[in-house]
Amino acid sequence: MHIADEVASKGYLITSSELADLMDINASAVTSRGDHWVWRNWVVSRVRREGNQSAIRFC
């Protein structure tokens, strides 16, 4: 969870695959959740699509 805190506090973007790795789920499960949703302590927002990946921001 330290990584997710760092991503959120620094305003970094991560890919949907990287988020799937953090969540220990399949990447398609991340991209199918929509543009804004809650995961643990963060609001996850899809910023843009990049091919079959999405750029993700934690708030």
N, C-alpha and C. Protein backbone atom coordinates (compact mmCIF):
# COMPACT_ATOMS: atom_id res chain seq x y z
N MET A 1 0.81 -1.18 0.00
CA MET A 1 0.00 0.00 0.00
C MET A 1 0.86 1.25 0.00
N HIS A 2 2.11 1.11 0.40
CA HIS A 2 3.03 2.25 0.38
C HIS A 2 3.17 2.78 -1.05
N ILE A 3 3.23 1.88 -2.02
CA ILE A 3 3.35 2.31 -3.42
C ILE A 3 2.13 3.12 -3.84
N ALA A 4 0.95 2.66 -3.49
CA ALA A 4 -0.27 3.40 -3.85
C ALA A 4 -0.30 4.76 -3.16
N ASP A 5 0.14 4.84 -1.92
CA ASP A 5 0.22 6.13 -1.23
C ASP A 5 1.18 7.08 -1.95
N GLU A 6 2.30 6.56 -2.36
CA GLU A 6 3.30 7.38 -3.07
C GLU A 6 2.76 7.86 -4.41
N VAL A 7 2.12 6.98 -5.14
CA VAL A 7 1.51 7.34 -6.43
C VAL A 7 0.48 8.45 -6.23
N ALA A 8 -0.35 8.32 -5.22
CA ALA A 8 -1.40 9.30 -4.95
C ALA A 8 -0.81 10.64 -4.50
N SER A 9 0.14 10.60 -3.58
CA SER A 9 0.68 11.84 -3.03
C SER A 9 1.51 12.63 -4.04
N LYS A 10 2.17 11.93 -4.94
CA LYS A 10 3.01 12.60 -5.95
C LYS A 10 2.25 12.93 -7.22
N GLY A 11 1.02 12.43 -7.35
CA GLY A 11 0.23 12.71 -8.54
C GLY A 11 0.68 11.93 -9.77
N TYR A 12 1.38 10.83 -9.56
CA TYR A 12 1.85 10.00 -10.68
C TYR A 12 0.68 9.29 -11.36
N LEU A 13 0.87 8.97 -12.61
CA LEU A 13 -0.07 8.11 -13.33
C LEU A 13 0.55 6.73 -13.43
N ILE A 14 -0.28 5.70 -13.34
CA ILE A 14 0.18 4.33 -13.56
C ILE A 14 -0.72 3.70 -14.60
N THR A 15 -0.30 2.61 -15.17
CA THR A 15 -1.11 1.92 -16.17
C THR A 15 -2.10 0.99 -15.48
N SER A 16 -3.10 0.60 -16.23
CA SER A 16 -4.07 -0.34 -15.68
C SER A 16 -3.41 -1.67 -15.33
N SER A 17 -2.39 -2.07 -16.07
CA SER A 17 -1.67 -3.30 -15.75
C SER A 17 -0.92 -3.18 -14.43
N GLU A 18 -0.32 -2.01 -14.19
CA GLU A 18 0.39 -1.80 -12.93
C GLU A 18 -0.59 -1.81 -11.75
N LEU A 19 -1.75 -1.20 -11.94
CA LEU A 19 -2.77 -1.22 -10.89
C LEU A 19 -3.27 -2.64 -10.65
N ALA A 20 -3.46 -3.38 -11.73
CA ALA A 20 -3.89 -4.78 -11.59
C ALA A 20 -2.87 -5.58 -10.79
N ASP A 21 -1.58 -5.32 -11.01
CA ASP A 21 -0.54 -5.99 -10.22
C ASP A 21 -0.65 -5.62 -8.75
N LEU A 22 -0.88 -4.34 -8.45
CA LEU A 22 -1.04 -3.90 -7.07
C LEU A 22 -2.25 -4.57 -6.41
N MET A 23 -3.32 -4.71 -7.18
CA MET A 23 -4.56 -5.27 -6.65
C MET A 23 -4.58 -6.79 -6.71
N ASP A 24 -3.62 -7.39 -7.42
CA ASP A 24 -3.54 -8.83 -7.62
C ASP A 24 -4.79 -9.36 -8.33
N ILE A 25 -5.17 -8.66 -9.42
CA ILE A 25 -6.29 -9.08 -10.27
C ILE A 25 -5.88 -8.98 -11.72
N ASN A 26 -6.71 -9.45 -12.61
CA ASN A 26 -6.47 -9.37 -14.04
C ASN A 26 -6.64 -7.93 -14.52
N ALA A 27 -5.81 -7.49 -15.46
CA ALA A 27 -5.87 -6.12 -15.97
C ALA A 27 -7.23 -5.78 -16.58
N SER A 28 -7.88 -6.75 -17.20
CA SER A 28 -9.19 -6.48 -17.79
C SER A 28 -10.23 -6.14 -16.72
N ALA A 29 -10.04 -6.66 -15.51
CA ALA A 29 -10.95 -6.33 -14.42
C ALA A 29 -10.81 -4.87 -14.01
N VAL A 30 -9.63 -4.30 -14.16
CA VAL A 30 -9.41 -2.88 -13.86
C VAL A 30 -10.08 -2.01 -14.91
N THR A 31 -9.86 -2.33 -16.17
CA THR A 31 -10.39 -1.48 -17.25
C THR A 31 -11.90 -1.58 -17.36
N SER A 32 -12.50 -2.65 -16.88
CA SER A 32 -13.95 -2.80 -16.99
C SER A 32 -14.71 -2.09 -15.86
N ARG A 33 -14.01 -1.51 -14.90
CA ARG A 33 -14.67 -0.90 -13.74
C ARG A 33 -15.20 0.51 -14.01
N GLY A 34 -14.87 1.10 -15.12
CA GLY A 34 -15.37 2.44 -15.40
C GLY A 34 -14.31 3.51 -15.19
N ASP A 35 -14.74 4.77 -15.25
CA ASP A 35 -13.81 5.89 -15.19
C ASP A 35 -13.45 6.32 -13.78
N HIS A 36 -14.35 6.13 -12.81
CA HIS A 36 -14.09 6.53 -11.42
C HIS A 36 -14.68 5.48 -10.48
N TRP A 37 -13.86 5.01 -9.55
CA TRP A 37 -14.32 4.04 -8.58
C TRP A 37 -13.39 4.07 -7.36
N VAL A 38 -13.83 3.45 -6.30
CA VAL A 38 -13.07 3.46 -5.05
C VAL A 38 -12.37 2.12 -4.86
N TRP A 39 -11.11 2.20 -4.47
CA TRP A 39 -10.33 1.03 -4.08
C TRP A 39 -9.60 1.38 -2.78
N ARG A 40 -9.96 0.69 -1.73
CA ARG A 40 -9.42 0.91 -0.39
C ARG A 40 -9.58 2.37 0.01
N ASN A 41 -8.48 3.12 0.15
CA ASN A 41 -8.55 4.51 0.60
C ASN A 41 -8.50 5.52 -0.54
N TRP A 42 -8.54 5.07 -1.77
CA TRP A 42 -8.31 5.96 -2.90
C TRP A 42 -9.48 5.95 -3.87
N VAL A 43 -9.68 7.07 -4.52
CA VAL A 43 -10.58 7.13 -5.67
C VAL A 43 -9.68 6.92 -6.88
N VAL A 44 -10.02 5.94 -7.70
CA VAL A 44 -9.25 5.60 -8.89
C VAL A 44 -9.94 6.26 -10.08
N SER A 45 -9.17 7.02 -10.84
CA SER A 45 -9.73 7.72 -11.99
C SER A 45 -8.95 7.37 -13.26
N ARG A 46 -9.68 6.99 -14.28
CA ARG A 46 -9.05 6.74 -15.57
C ARG A 46 -8.85 8.11 -16.23
N VAL A 47 -7.61 8.43 -16.55
CA VAL A 47 -7.28 9.72 -17.13
C VAL A 47 -7.38 9.67 -18.65
N ARG A 48 -6.86 8.60 -19.24
CA ARG A 48 -6.93 8.44 -20.70
C ARG A 48 -6.64 6.99 -21.05
N ARG A 49 -7.04 6.63 -22.25
CA ARG A 49 -6.74 5.30 -22.78
C ARG A 49 -5.51 5.39 -23.66
N GLU A 50 -4.68 4.39 -23.59
CA GLU A 50 -3.47 4.29 -24.41
C GLU A 50 -3.42 2.89 -24.99
N GLY A 51 -4.06 2.70 -26.13
CA GLY A 51 -4.17 1.36 -26.72
C GLY A 51 -5.07 0.51 -25.86
N ASN A 52 -4.55 -0.65 -25.43
CA ASN A 52 -5.37 -1.52 -24.58
C ASN A 52 -5.14 -1.25 -23.09
N GLN A 53 -4.38 -0.20 -22.78
CA GLN A 53 -4.10 0.20 -21.41
C GLN A 53 -4.84 1.50 -21.09
N SER A 54 -4.98 1.77 -19.81
CA SER A 54 -5.52 3.05 -19.35
C SER A 54 -4.49 3.69 -18.44
N ALA A 55 -4.38 5.01 -18.50
CA ALA A 55 -3.57 5.74 -17.53
C ALA A 55 -4.47 6.02 -16.34
N ILE A 56 -3.99 5.68 -15.16
CA ILE A 56 -4.78 5.72 -13.93
C ILE A 56 -4.17 6.70 -12.96
N ARG A 57 -5.03 7.46 -12.26
CA ARG A 57 -4.61 8.37 -11.20
C ARG A 57 -5.35 8.00 -9.91
N PHE A 58 -4.63 8.05 -8.80
CA PHE A 58 -5.24 7.87 -7.49
C PHE A 58 -5.49 9.25 -6.89
N CYS A 59 -6.61 9.41 -6.25
CA CYS A 59 -6.92 10.67 -5.55
C CYS A 59 -7.22 10.37 -4.10
